[in-house]
């Protein structure tokens, strides 16, 4: 484990804020920090670089942090930030979501989206920086387009608070096997946590949005669970969770719906001028042999024989 430490006390007062901005970019994320006071700025930051991700512990005077569209475009970052508020307040804005973190609260933001964090008083917090795929694989409830605040008071949240504090501690000295074990525990606890408004109603709304997107884009050969998740602002794990219990998977559902459309087209007089391959490609299949095999499995006839039988009927 590598540990880095920075303090604004090592530079002149007039240079401190620019130094602080560079420190945040090095330890956490490329952002634009701005001061809310005219006086000298003071802050300290330490970073434990673990196999799971960076655990950043900092105290600072009031300031603002923003990740603009320009930075998202030119300084992309494929990670999430999990922030534990130790003292002070942090006002979080991302997408259409806004909330304030108080002591003991945990918030999650997507580094690949614009955001703004306001610290209007002295603040003490711990920020964990994790790769996007690592977190999305563990947390079906993530909302890539908006920040999430974890439900305060839940046992998992209280345990997560203790674990984050321990993994960011300057005194921590971990063996490799301990580090791996704590990493797994961290992801398990985070995965078991839920945002405040999670529930059947929200799941139904997400399911409706997902099905609508899939229906509208069935003809796109690039349609996948991953592309659908990105399009409507949820994780790929959430896509699979929304299909759980329906007796199928997202990928199978896409194929089945395309086959239904292909069967309808093969029966329809207005498609008589189109060849079987034209129909397959126009409905989202990009491999004719795969289309023919799957069609025959579903309808017990080849596409050509199915069309002939429909014409005879």
C-alpha atoms as a PDB file:
ATOM      1  CA  UNK A   1       0.000   0.000   0.000  1.00  0.00           C
ATOM      2  CA  UNK A   2       1.261   3.451  -0.929  1.00  0.00           C
ATOM      3  CA  UNK A   3       0.430   6.532   1.157  1.00  0.00           C
ATOM      4  CA  UNK A   4       0.799  10.159  -0.007  1.00  0.00           C
ATOM      5  CA  UNK A   5       0.365  13.297   2.112  1.00  0.00           C
ATOM      6  CA  UNK A   6      -0.094  16.939   1.092  1.00  0.00           C
ATOM      7  CA  UNK A   7      -0.607  20.180   3.017  1.00  0.00           C
ATOM      8  CA  UNK A   8      -1.114  23.776   1.904  1.00  0.00           C
ATOM      9  CA  UNK A   9       1.177  24.821   4.763  1.00  0.00           C
ATOM     10  CA  UNK A  10       4.209  24.067   2.567  1.00  0.00           C
ATOM     11  CA  UNK A  11       3.444  26.896   0.088  1.00  0.00           C
ATOM     12  CA  UNK A  12       2.940  30.665   0.333  1.00  0.00           C
ATOM     13  CA  UNK A  13      -0.513  31.955   1.195  1.00  0.00           C
ATOM     14  CA  UNK A  14      -1.163  33.375  -2.274  1.00  0.00           C
ATOM     15  CA  UNK A  15      -0.260  30.044  -3.900  1.00  0.00           C
ATOM     16  CA  UNK A  16      -2.214  27.784  -1.579  1.00  0.00           C
ATOM     17  CA  UNK A  17      -5.453  27.489  -3.484  1.00  0.00           C
ATOM     18  CA  UNK A  18      -3.809  26.716  -6.798  1.00  0.00           C
ATOM     19  CA  UNK A  19      -1.732  24.100  -4.992  1.00  0.00           C
ATOM     20  CA  UNK A  20      -4.901  22.624  -3.455  1.00  0.00           C
ATOM     21  CA  UNK A  21      -6.541  22.333  -6.876  1.00  0.00           C
ATOM     22  CA  UNK A  22      -3.496  20.426  -8.147  1.00  0.00           C
ATOM     23  CA  UNK A  23      -3.597  18.132  -5.113  1.00  0.00           C
ATOM     24  CA  UNK A  24      -7.265  17.235  -5.683  1.00  0.00           C
ATOM     25  CA  UNK A  25      -6.568  16.500  -9.346  1.00  0.00           C
ATOM     26  CA  UNK A  26      -3.679  14.231  -8.341  1.00  0.00           C
ATOM     27  CA  UNK A  27      -5.387  12.314  -5.535  1.00  0.00           C
ATOM     28  CA  UNK A  28      -9.060  12.319  -6.529  1.00  0.00           C
ATOM     29  CA  UNK A  29     -10.253  13.721  -9.851  1.00  0.00           C
ATOM     30  CA  UNK A  30      -9.657  16.472 -12.406  1.00  0.00           C
ATOM     31  CA  UNK A  31     -11.860  19.321 -11.157  1.00  0.00           C
ATOM     32  CA  UNK A  32     -11.914  23.103 -10.927  1.00  0.00           C
ATOM     33  CA  UNK A  33     -11.793  24.326  -7.335  1.00  0.00           C
ATOM     34  CA  UNK A  34     -12.718  27.882  -6.341  1.00  0.00           C
ATOM     35  CA  UNK A  35     -12.405  29.697  -3.047  1.00  0.00           C
ATOM     36  CA  UNK A  36     -15.398  31.282  -1.302  1.00  0.00           C
ATOM     37  CA  UNK A  37     -13.239  33.508   0.962  1.00  0.00           C
ATOM     38  CA  UNK A  38     -10.560  36.089   0.232  1.00  0.00           C
ATOM     39  CA  UNK A  39      -8.256  35.063   3.079  1.00  0.00           C
ATOM     40  CA  UNK A  40      -5.464  32.491   3.121  1.00  0.00           C
ATOM     41  CA  UNK A  41      -6.691  28.985   2.397  1.00  0.00           C
ATOM     42  CA  UNK A  42      -5.713  25.999   4.548  1.00  0.00           C
ATOM     43  CA  UNK A  43      -6.155  22.287   3.817  1.00  0.00           C
ATOM     44  CA  UNK A  44      -4.544  18.902   4.440  1.00  0.00           C
ATOM     45  CA  UNK A  45      -5.018  15.700   2.452  1.00  0.00           C
ATOM     46  CA  UNK A  46      -3.732  12.139   2.632  1.00  0.00           C
ATOM     47  CA  UNK A  47      -4.295   9.307   0.163  1.00  0.00           C
ATOM     48  CA  UNK A  48      -4.040   5.580   0.840  1.00  0.00           C
ATOM     49  CA  UNK A  49      -3.626   3.871  -2.543  1.00  0.00           C
ATOM     50  CA  UNK A  50      -5.077   0.378  -2.115  1.00  0.00           C
ATOM     51  CA  UNK A  51      -5.741  -2.350  -4.677  1.00  0.00           C
ATOM     52  CA  UNK A  52      -9.478  -1.571  -4.528  1.00  0.00           C
ATOM     53  CA  UNK A  53      -9.006   2.168  -5.103  1.00  0.00           C
ATOM     54  CA  UNK A  54      -7.838   5.402  -3.477  1.00  0.00           C
ATOM     55  CA  UNK A  55      -9.033   6.302   0.025  1.00  0.00           C
ATOM     56  CA  UNK A  56      -8.603  10.064   0.415  1.00  0.00           C
ATOM     57  CA  UNK A  57      -8.875  11.786   3.794  1.00  0.00           C
ATOM     58  CA  UNK A  58      -9.021  15.594   3.877  1.00  0.00           C
ATOM     59  CA  UNK A  59      -9.819  18.636   5.993  1.00  0.00           C
ATOM     60  CA  UNK A  60     -10.189  22.054   4.448  1.00  0.00           C
ATOM     61  CA  UNK A  61     -11.624  25.521   4.772  1.00  0.00           C
ATOM     62  CA  UNK A  62     -14.746  26.491   2.728  1.00  0.00           C
ATOM     63  CA  UNK A  63     -14.487  26.157  -1.048  1.00  0.00           C
ATOM     64  CA  UNK A  64     -16.291  24.823  -4.094  1.00  0.00           C
ATOM     65  CA  UNK A  65     -15.424  21.955  -6.450  1.00  0.00           C
ATOM     66  CA  UNK A  66     -16.873  21.634  -9.937  1.00  0.00           C
ATOM     67  CA  UNK A  67     -16.474  19.143 -12.752  1.00  0.00           C
ATOM     68  CA  UNK A  68     -17.554  20.980 -15.867  1.00  0.00           C
ATOM     69  CA  UNK A  69     -18.647  19.726 -19.283  1.00  0.00           C
ATOM     70  CA  UNK A  70     -15.234  20.764 -20.597  1.00  0.00           C
ATOM     71  CA  UNK A  71     -13.422  18.606 -18.055  1.00  0.00           C
ATOM     72  CA  UNK A  72     -15.763  15.650 -18.620  1.00  0.00           C
ATOM     73  CA  UNK A  73     -15.029  15.902 -22.336  1.00  0.00           C
ATOM     74  CA  UNK A  74     -11.283  16.543 -22.287  1.00  0.00           C
ATOM     75  CA  UNK A  75     -10.341  14.851 -18.985  1.00  0.00           C
ATOM     76  CA  UNK A  76     -12.587  11.752 -18.906  1.00  0.00           C
ATOM     77  CA  UNK A  77     -12.589   9.659 -15.759  1.00  0.00           C
ATOM     78  CA  UNK A  78     -14.083   6.169 -15.502  1.00  0.00           C
ATOM     79  CA  UNK A  79     -14.724   6.087 -11.756  1.00  0.00           C
ATOM     80  CA  UNK A  80     -17.192   6.749  -8.962  1.00  0.00           C
ATOM     81  CA  UNK A  81     -16.561   8.764  -5.802  1.00  0.00           C
ATOM     82  CA  UNK A  82     -17.994   7.475  -2.516  1.00  0.00           C
ATOM     83  CA  UNK A  83     -17.849  10.285   0.054  1.00  0.00           C
ATOM     84  CA  UNK A  84     -18.211   9.935   3.822  1.00  0.00           C
ATOM     85  CA  UNK A  85     -18.971  13.251   5.504  1.00  0.00           C
ATOM     86  CA  UNK A  86     -17.110  13.416   8.838  1.00  0.00           C
ATOM     87  CA  UNK A  87     -17.938  17.025   9.790  1.00  0.00           C
ATOM     88  CA  UNK A  88     -19.327  20.141   8.143  1.00  0.00           C
ATOM     89  CA  UNK A  89     -21.788  20.058   5.254  1.00  0.00           C
ATOM     90  CA  UNK A  90     -21.448  19.255   1.551  1.00  0.00           C
ATOM     91  CA  UNK A  91     -24.110  20.345  -0.911  1.00  0.00           C
ATOM     92  CA  UNK A  92     -24.098  17.937  -3.878  1.00  0.00           C
ATOM     93  CA  UNK A  93     -25.493  18.626  -7.340  1.00  0.00           C
ATOM     94  CA  UNK A  94     -25.349  16.122 -10.199  1.00  0.00           C
ATOM     95  CA  UNK A  95     -27.840  15.831 -13.022  1.00  0.00           C
ATOM     96  CA  UNK A  96     -31.291  16.523 -11.642  1.00  0.00           C
ATOM     97  CA  UNK A  97     -30.281  15.387  -8.149  1.00  0.00           C
ATOM     98  CA  UNK A  98     -29.440  17.705  -5.262  1.00  0.00           C
ATOM     99  CA  UNK A  99     -28.926  16.919  -1.595  1.00  0.00           C
ATOM    100  CA  UNK A 100     -26.822  17.930   1.394  1.00  0.00           C
ATOM    101  CA  UNK A 101     -24.511  15.521   3.199  1.00  0.00           C
ATOM    102  CA  UNK A 102     -24.156  15.990   6.943  1.00  0.00           C
ATOM    103  CA  UNK A 103     -21.880  14.195   9.412  1.00  0.00           C
ATOM    104  CA  UNK A 104     -22.270  10.436   9.008  1.00  0.00           C
ATOM    105  CA  UNK A 105     -23.856  10.642   5.546  1.00  0.00           C
ATOM    106  CA  UNK A 106     -22.449   8.816   2.520  1.00  0.00           C
ATOM    107  CA  UNK A 107     -22.948  10.022  -1.047  1.00  0.00           C
ATOM    108  CA  UNK A 108     -21.995   8.525  -4.407  1.00  0.00           C
ATOM    109  CA  UNK A 109     -21.277  10.558  -7.558  1.00  0.00           C
ATOM    110  CA  UNK A 110     -20.217   9.545 -11.060  1.00  0.00           C
ATOM    111  CA  UNK A 111     -16.914  11.126 -12.111  1.00  0.00           C
ATOM    112  CA  UNK A 112     -17.921  10.823 -15.767  1.00  0.00           C
ATOM    113  CA  UNK A 113     -20.773  13.327 -15.314  1.00  0.00           C
ATOM    114  CA  UNK A 114     -20.792  17.006 -14.487  1.00  0.00           C
ATOM    115  CA  UNK A 115     -21.101  17.792 -10.778  1.00  0.00           C
ATOM    116  CA  UNK A 116     -20.758  20.553  -8.224  1.00  0.00           C
ATOM    117  CA  UNK A 117     -19.844  20.214  -4.550  1.00  0.00           C
ATOM    118  CA  UNK A 118     -20.163  23.208  -2.211  1.00  0.00           C
ATOM    119  CA  UNK A 119     -18.439  23.322   1.182  1.00  0.00           C
ATOM    120  CA  UNK A 120     -19.750  26.460   2.866  1.00  0.00           C
ATOM    121  CA  UNK A 121     -17.917  25.821   6.164  1.00  0.00           C
ATOM    122  CA  UNK A 122     -14.843  23.976   7.341  1.00  0.00           C
ATOM    123  CA  UNK A 123     -15.156  20.408   6.196  1.00  0.00           C
ATOM    124  CA  UNK A 124     -13.735  17.000   7.065  1.00  0.00           C
ATOM    125  CA  UNK A 125     -14.497  14.085   4.758  1.00  0.00           C
ATOM    126  CA  UNK A 126     -13.200  10.847   3.280  1.00  0.00           C
ATOM    127  CA  UNK A 127     -13.516  10.166  -0.448  1.00  0.00           C
ATOM    128  CA  UNK A 128     -13.098   6.709  -1.955  1.00  0.00           C
ATOM    129  CA  UNK A 129     -12.294   6.588  -5.678  1.00  0.00           C
ATOM    130  CA  UNK A 130     -13.295   3.303  -7.331  1.00  0.00           C
ATOM    131  CA  UNK A 131     -13.312   2.132 -10.981  1.00  0.00           C
ATOM    132  CA  UNK A 132     -16.771   2.317 -12.566  1.00  0.00           C
ATOM    133  CA  UNK A 133     -16.951  -1.335 -13.593  1.00  0.00           C
ATOM    134  CA  UNK A 134     -15.927  -2.494 -10.118  1.00  0.00           C
ATOM    135  CA  UNK A 135     -18.693  -0.523  -8.465  1.00  0.00           C
ATOM    136  CA  UNK A 136     -21.400  -1.226 -11.033  1.00  0.00           C
ATOM    137  CA  UNK A 137     -20.720  -4.952 -10.748  1.00  0.00           C
ATOM    138  CA  UNK A 138     -21.400  -4.714  -7.004  1.00  0.00           C
ATOM    139  CA  UNK A 139     -24.228  -2.160  -6.860  1.00  0.00           C
ATOM    140  CA  UNK A 140     -27.406  -2.663  -8.905  1.00  0.00           C
ATOM    141  CA  UNK A 141     -28.911   0.519  -7.449  1.00  0.00           C
ATOM    142  CA  UNK A 142     -26.350   2.928  -8.916  1.00  0.00           C
ATOM    143  CA  UNK A 143     -27.632   5.912 -10.882  1.00  0.00           C
ATOM    144  CA  UNK A 144     -24.891   6.940 -13.365  1.00  0.00           C
ATOM    145  CA  UNK A 145     -26.631  10.208 -14.325  1.00  0.00           C
ATOM    146  CA  UNK A 146     -27.356  11.433 -10.806  1.00  0.00           C
ATOM    147  CA  UNK A 147     -25.783  11.421  -7.370  1.00  0.00           C
ATOM    148  CA  UNK A 148     -27.069   8.995  -4.717  1.00  0.00           C
ATOM    149  CA  UNK A 149     -27.265   9.437  -0.953  1.00  0.00           C
ATOM    150  CA  UNK A 150     -27.243   6.232   1.058  1.00  0.00           C
ATOM    151  CA  UNK A 151     -29.977   5.722   3.618  1.00  0.00           C
ATOM    152  CA  UNK A 152     -28.711   6.942   6.977  1.00  0.00           C
ATOM    153  CA  UNK A 153     -29.045   4.637   9.987  1.00  0.00           C
ATOM    154  CA  UNK A 154     -29.062   1.331   8.134  1.00  0.00           C
ATOM    155  CA  UNK A 155     -26.737  -1.325   9.642  1.00  0.00           C
ATOM    156  CA  UNK A 156     -24.871  -1.649   6.355  1.00  0.00           C
ATOM    157  CA  UNK A 157     -24.311   2.117   6.212  1.00  0.00           C
ATOM    158  CA  UNK A 158     -22.993   2.228   9.787  1.00  0.00           C
ATOM    159  CA  UNK A 159     -20.596  -0.651   9.102  1.00  0.00           C
ATOM    160  CA  UNK A 160     -19.527   0.959   5.827  1.00  0.00           C
ATOM    161  CA  UNK A 161     -18.761   4.195   7.703  1.00  0.00           C
ATOM    162  CA  UNK A 162     -16.453   2.331  10.079  1.00  0.00           C
ATOM    163  CA  UNK A 163     -14.737   0.466   7.261  1.00  0.00           C
ATOM    164  CA  UNK A 164     -14.147   3.605   5.156  1.00  0.00           C
ATOM    165  CA  UNK A 165     -12.654   5.371   8.178  1.00  0.00           C
ATOM    166  CA  UNK A 166     -10.352   2.428   8.853  1.00  0.00           C
ATOM    167  CA  UNK A 167      -9.172   2.062   5.244  1.00  0.00           C
ATOM    168  CA  UNK A 168      -8.384   5.791   5.024  1.00  0.00           C
ATOM    169  CA  UNK A 169      -6.586   5.884   8.387  1.00  0.00           C
ATOM    170  CA  UNK A 170      -2.952   7.058   8.419  1.00  0.00           C
ATOM    171  CA  UNK A 171      -2.173   4.267  10.893  1.00  0.00           C
ATOM    172  CA  UNK A 172      -3.473   1.407   8.778  1.00  0.00           C
ATOM    173  CA  UNK A 173      -0.917  -1.245   7.829  1.00  0.00           C
ATOM    174  CA  UNK A 174      -2.435  -4.066   5.801  1.00  0.00           C
ATOM    175  CA  UNK A 175      -1.093  -7.376   4.581  1.00  0.00           C
ATOM    176  CA  UNK A 176      -2.066  -8.234   1.005  1.00  0.00           C
ATOM    177  CA  UNK A 177      -4.605 -10.841   2.132  1.00  0.00           C
ATOM    178  CA  UNK A 178      -6.140  -8.373   4.616  1.00  0.00           C
ATOM    179  CA  UNK A 179      -6.398  -5.724   1.919  1.00  0.00           C
ATOM    180  CA  UNK A 180      -8.200  -8.125  -0.435  1.00  0.00           C
ATOM    181  CA  UNK A 181     -10.578  -9.251   2.302  1.00  0.00           C
ATOM    182  CA  UNK A 182     -11.457  -5.687   3.319  1.00  0.00           C
ATOM    183  CA  UNK A 183     -11.980  -4.795  -0.340  1.00  0.00           C
ATOM    184  CA  UNK A 184     -14.510  -7.606  -0.778  1.00  0.00           C
ATOM    185  CA  UNK A 185     -16.276  -6.596   2.431  1.00  0.00           C
ATOM    186  CA  UNK A 186     -16.424  -2.981   1.297  1.00  0.00           C
ATOM    187  CA  UNK A 187     -18.110  -3.908  -1.995  1.00  0.00           C
ATOM    188  CA  UNK A 188     -20.514  -6.324  -0.291  1.00  0.00           C
ATOM    189  CA  UNK A 189     -21.624  -3.671   2.209  1.00  0.00           C
ATOM    190  CA  UNK A 190     -21.981  -1.024  -0.486  1.00  0.00           C
ATOM    191  CA  UNK A 191     -23.929  -3.417  -2.702  1.00  0.00           C
ATOM    192  CA  UNK A 192     -26.338  -4.144   0.164  1.00  0.00           C
ATOM    193  CA  UNK A 193     -26.972  -0.421   0.694  1.00  0.00           C
ATOM    194  CA  UNK A 194     -29.792   1.388  -1.065  1.00  0.00           C
ATOM    195  CA  UNK A 195     -30.602   4.947  -2.005  1.00  0.00           C
ATOM    196  CA  UNK A 196     -33.485   6.559  -0.132  1.00  0.00           C
ATOM    197  CA  UNK A 197     -36.131   6.209  -2.832  1.00  0.00           C
ATOM    198  CA  UNK A 198     -35.421   2.692  -4.029  1.00  0.00           C
ATOM    199  CA  UNK A 199     -38.515   0.516  -4.179  1.00  0.00           C
ATOM    200  CA  UNK A 200     -41.138  -1.223  -6.347  1.00  0.00           C
ATOM    201  CA  UNK A 201     -42.504   2.020  -7.825  1.00  0.00           C
ATOM    202  CA  UNK A 202     -39.072   3.193  -8.912  1.00  0.00           C
ATOM    203  CA  UNK A 203     -38.264  -0.274 -10.316  1.00  0.00           C
ATOM    204  CA  UNK A 204     -41.484  -0.242 -12.342  1.00  0.00           C
ATOM    205  CA  UNK A 205     -40.681   3.180 -13.787  1.00  0.00           C
ATOM    206  CA  UNK A 206     -37.172   2.038 -14.697  1.00  0.00           C
ATOM    207  CA  UNK A 207     -38.537  -1.153 -16.241  1.00  0.00           C
ATOM    208  CA  UNK A 208     -40.963   0.852 -18.374  1.00  0.00           C
ATOM    209  CA  UNK A 209     -38.187   3.209 -19.525  1.00  0.00           C
ATOM    210  CA  UNK A 210     -35.907   0.279 -20.309  1.00  0.00           C
ATOM    211  CA  UNK A 211     -38.522  -1.625 -22.325  1.00  0.00           C
ATOM    212  CA  UNK A 212     -39.450   1.554 -24.228  1.00  0.00           C
ATOM    213  CA  UNK A 213     -35.801   2.157 -25.148  1.00  0.00           C
ATOM    214  CA  UNK A 214     -35.322  -1.446 -26.242  1.00  0.00           C
ATOM    215  CA  UNK A 215     -38.468  -1.395 -28.401  1.00  0.00           C
ATOM    216  CA  UNK A 216     -37.419   1.869 -30.055  1.00  0.00           C
ATOM    217  CA  UNK A 217     -33.918   0.607 -30.839  1.00  0.00           C
ATOM    218  CA  UNK A 218     -34.447  -3.050 -31.746  1.00  0.00           C
ATOM    219  CA  UNK A 219     -33.317  -2.406 -35.309  1.00  0.00           C
ATOM    220  CA  UNK A 220     -29.937  -1.146 -34.076  1.00  0.00           C
ATOM    221  CA  UNK A 221     -27.433  -4.043 -34.307  1.00  0.00           C
ATOM    222  CA  UNK A 222     -25.351  -2.312 -31.599  1.00  0.00           C
ATOM    223  CA  UNK A 223     -28.169  -2.587 -29.045  1.00  0.00           C
ATOM    224  CA  UNK A 224     -26.902  -4.371 -25.912  1.00  0.00           C
ATOM    225  CA  UNK A 225     -27.671  -4.320 -22.182  1.00  0.00           C
ATOM    226  CA  UNK A 226     -24.646  -2.035 -21.765  1.00  0.00           C
ATOM    227  CA  UNK A 227     -25.774   0.470 -24.423  1.00  0.00           C
ATOM    228  CA  UNK A 228     -29.326   0.477 -23.033  1.00  0.00           C
ATOM    229  CA  UNK A 229     -28.009   1.113 -19.521  1.00  0.00           C
ATOM    230  CA  UNK A 230     -25.916   4.054 -20.709  1.00  0.00           C
ATOM    231  CA  UNK A 231     -28.811   5.493 -22.719  1.00  0.00           C
ATOM    232  CA  UNK A 232     -31.273   5.670 -19.830  1.00  0.00           C
ATOM    233  CA  UNK A 233     -28.771   6.370 -17.067  1.00  0.00           C
ATOM    234  CA  UNK A 234     -28.626   3.153 -15.050  1.00  0.00           C
ATOM    235  CA  UNK A 235     -25.973   0.490 -14.512  1.00  0.00           C
ATOM    236  CA  UNK A 236     -25.794  -2.685 -16.594  1.00  0.00           C
ATOM    237  CA  UNK A 237     -26.322  -4.641 -13.379  1.00  0.00           C
ATOM    238  CA  UNK A 238     -29.619  -2.771 -12.893  1.00  0.00           C
ATOM    239  CA  UNK A 239     -30.701  -3.783 -16.410  1.00  0.00           C
ATOM    240  CA  UNK A 240     -30.165  -7.434 -15.536  1.00  0.00           C
ATOM    241  CA  UNK A 241     -31.895  -6.965 -12.164  1.00  0.00           C
ATOM    242  CA  UNK A 242     -34.960  -5.451 -13.859  1.00  0.00           C
ATOM    243  CA  UNK A 243     -35.265  -8.588 -16.023  1.00  0.00           C
ATOM    244  CA  UNK A 244     -34.779 -10.921 -13.055  1.00  0.00           C
ATOM    245  CA  UNK A 245     -37.919 -12.910 -12.343  1.00  0.00           C
ATOM    246  CA  UNK A 246     -39.329 -12.426 -15.847  1.00  0.00           C
ATOM    247  CA  UNK A 247     -38.087 -15.810 -17.053  1.00  0.00           C
ATOM    248  CA  UNK A 248     -35.616 -14.350 -19.540  1.00  0.00           C
ATOM    249  CA  UNK A 249     -32.580 -12.093 -19.806  1.00  0.00           C
ATOM    250  CA  UNK A 250     -32.168  -8.787 -21.577  1.00  0.00           C
ATOM    251  CA  UNK A 251     -30.136 -10.331 -24.403  1.00  0.00           C
ATOM    252  CA  UNK A 252     -32.644 -13.144 -24.944  1.00  0.00           C
ATOM    253  CA  UNK A 253     -35.515 -10.645 -24.842  1.00  0.00           C
ATOM    254  CA  UNK A 254     -33.857  -8.566 -27.587  1.00  0.00           C
ATOM    255  CA  UNK A 255     -33.417 -11.644 -29.800  1.00  0.00           C
ATOM    256  CA  UNK A 256     -36.969 -12.853 -29.158  1.00  0.00           C
ATOM    257  CA  UNK A 257     -38.497  -9.471 -30.017  1.00  0.00           C
ATOM    258  CA  UNK A 258     -36.436  -9.245 -33.196  1.00  0.00           C
ATOM    259  CA  UNK A 259     -37.604 -12.727 -34.191  1.00  0.00           C
ATOM    260  CA  UNK A 260     -41.227 -11.716 -33.615  1.00  0.00           C
ATOM    261  CA  UNK A 261     -40.763  -8.689 -35.867  1.00  0.00           C
ATOM    262  CA  UNK A 262     -39.031 -10.816 -38.499  1.00  0.00           C
ATOM    263  CA  UNK A 263     -41.894 -13.344 -38.469  1.00  0.00           C
ATOM    264  CA  UNK A 264     -44.433 -10.530 -38.879  1.00  0.00           C
ATOM    265  CA  UNK A 265     -42.420  -9.062 -41.769  1.00  0.00           C
ATOM    266  CA  UNK A 266     -42.167 -12.449 -43.510  1.00  0.00           C
ATOM    267  CA  UNK A 267     -45.975 -12.745 -43.345  1.00  0.00           C
ATOM    268  CA  UNK A 268     -46.687  -9.160 -44.415  1.00  0.00           C
ATOM    269  CA  UNK A 269     -47.486  -8.424 -48.103  1.00  0.00           C
ATOM    270  CA  UNK A 270     -45.703  -5.070 -47.921  1.00  0.00           C
ATOM    271  CA  UNK A 271     -42.415  -6.879 -47.226  1.00  0.00           C
ATOM    272  CA  UNK A 272     -42.722  -9.248 -50.230  1.00  0.00           C
ATOM    273  CA  UNK A 273     -40.149  -7.251 -52.164  1.00  0.00           C
ATOM    274  CA  UNK A 274     -37.521  -7.640 -49.455  1.00  0.00           C
ATOM    275  CA  UNK A 275     -35.243 -10.670 -49.315  1.00  0.00           C
ATOM    276  CA  UNK A 276     -34.826 -12.696 -46.133  1.00  0.00           C
ATOM    277  CA  UNK A 277     -31.377 -11.196 -45.607  1.00  0.00           C
ATOM    278  CA  UNK A 278     -32.749  -7.643 -46.065  1.00  0.00           C
ATOM    279  CA  UNK A 279     -35.381  -8.295 -43.403  1.00  0.00           C
ATOM    280  CA  UNK A 280     -32.838  -9.784 -41.001  1.00  0.00           C
ATOM    281  CA  UNK A 281     -30.397  -6.892 -41.335  1.00  0.00           C
ATOM    282  CA  UNK A 282     -33.100  -4.211 -41.192  1.00  0.00           C
ATOM    283  CA  UNK A 283     -34.419  -5.679 -37.941  1.00  0.00           C
ATOM    284  CA  UNK A 284     -31.096  -5.648 -36.097  1.00  0.00           C
ATOM    285  CA  UNK A 285     -29.463  -8.982 -36.933  1.00  0.00           C
ATOM    286  CA  UNK A 286     -25.946  -8.683 -38.317  1.00  0.00           C
ATOM    287  CA  UNK A 287     -25.284 -12.373 -38.973  1.00  0.00           C
ATOM    288  CA  UNK A 288     -27.603 -14.145 -41.436  1.00  0.00           C
ATOM    289  CA  UNK A 289     -26.678 -17.676 -40.360  1.00  0.00           C
ATOM    290  CA  UNK A 290     -27.299 -16.791 -36.711  1.00  0.00           C
ATOM    291  CA  UNK A 291     -30.659 -15.276 -37.637  1.00  0.00           C
ATOM    292  CA  UNK A 292     -31.686 -18.356 -39.647  1.00  0.00           C
ATOM    293  CA  UNK A 293     -30.668 -20.747 -36.880  1.00  0.00           C
ATOM    294  CA  UNK A 294     -32.466 -18.816 -34.144  1.00  0.00           C
ATOM    295  CA  UNK A 295     -35.562 -18.361 -36.337  1.00  0.00           C
ATOM    296  CA  UNK A 296     -35.809 -22.079 -37.033  1.00  0.00           C
ATOM    297  CA  UNK A 297     -35.391 -22.875 -33.328  1.00  0.00           C
ATOM    298  CA  UNK A 298     -38.272 -20.535 -32.545  1.00  0.00           C
ATOM    299  CA  UNK A 299     -40.695 -21.262 -35.417  1.00  0.00           C
ATOM    300  CA  UNK A 300     -39.578 -24.783 -36.514  1.00  0.00           C
ATOM    301  CA  UNK A 301     -39.185 -23.585 -40.116  1.00  0.00           C
ATOM    302  CA  UNK A 302     -36.448 -21.737 -41.943  1.00  0.00           C
ATOM    303  CA  UNK A 303     -37.286 -18.079 -42.681  1.00  0.00           C
ATOM    304  CA  UNK A 304     -37.799 -18.915 -46.369  1.00  0.00           C
ATOM    305  CA  UNK A 305     -40.069 -21.884 -45.644  1.00  0.00           C
ATOM    306  CA  UNK A 306     -41.981 -19.823 -43.089  1.00  0.00           C
ATOM    307  CA  UNK A 307     -42.605 -17.133 -45.697  1.00  0.00           C
ATOM    308  CA  UNK A 308     -43.727 -19.694 -48.285  1.00  0.00           C
ATOM    309  CA  UNK A 309     -46.086 -21.327 -45.804  1.00  0.00           C
ATOM    310  CA  UNK A 310     -47.569 -17.944 -44.889  1.00  0.00           C
ATOM    311  CA  UNK A 311     -48.092 -17.188 -48.580  1.00  0.00           C
ATOM    312  CA  UNK A 312     -49.874 -20.479 -49.138  1.00  0.00           C
ATOM    313  CA  UNK A 313     -52.153 -19.756 -46.201  1.00  0.00           C
END
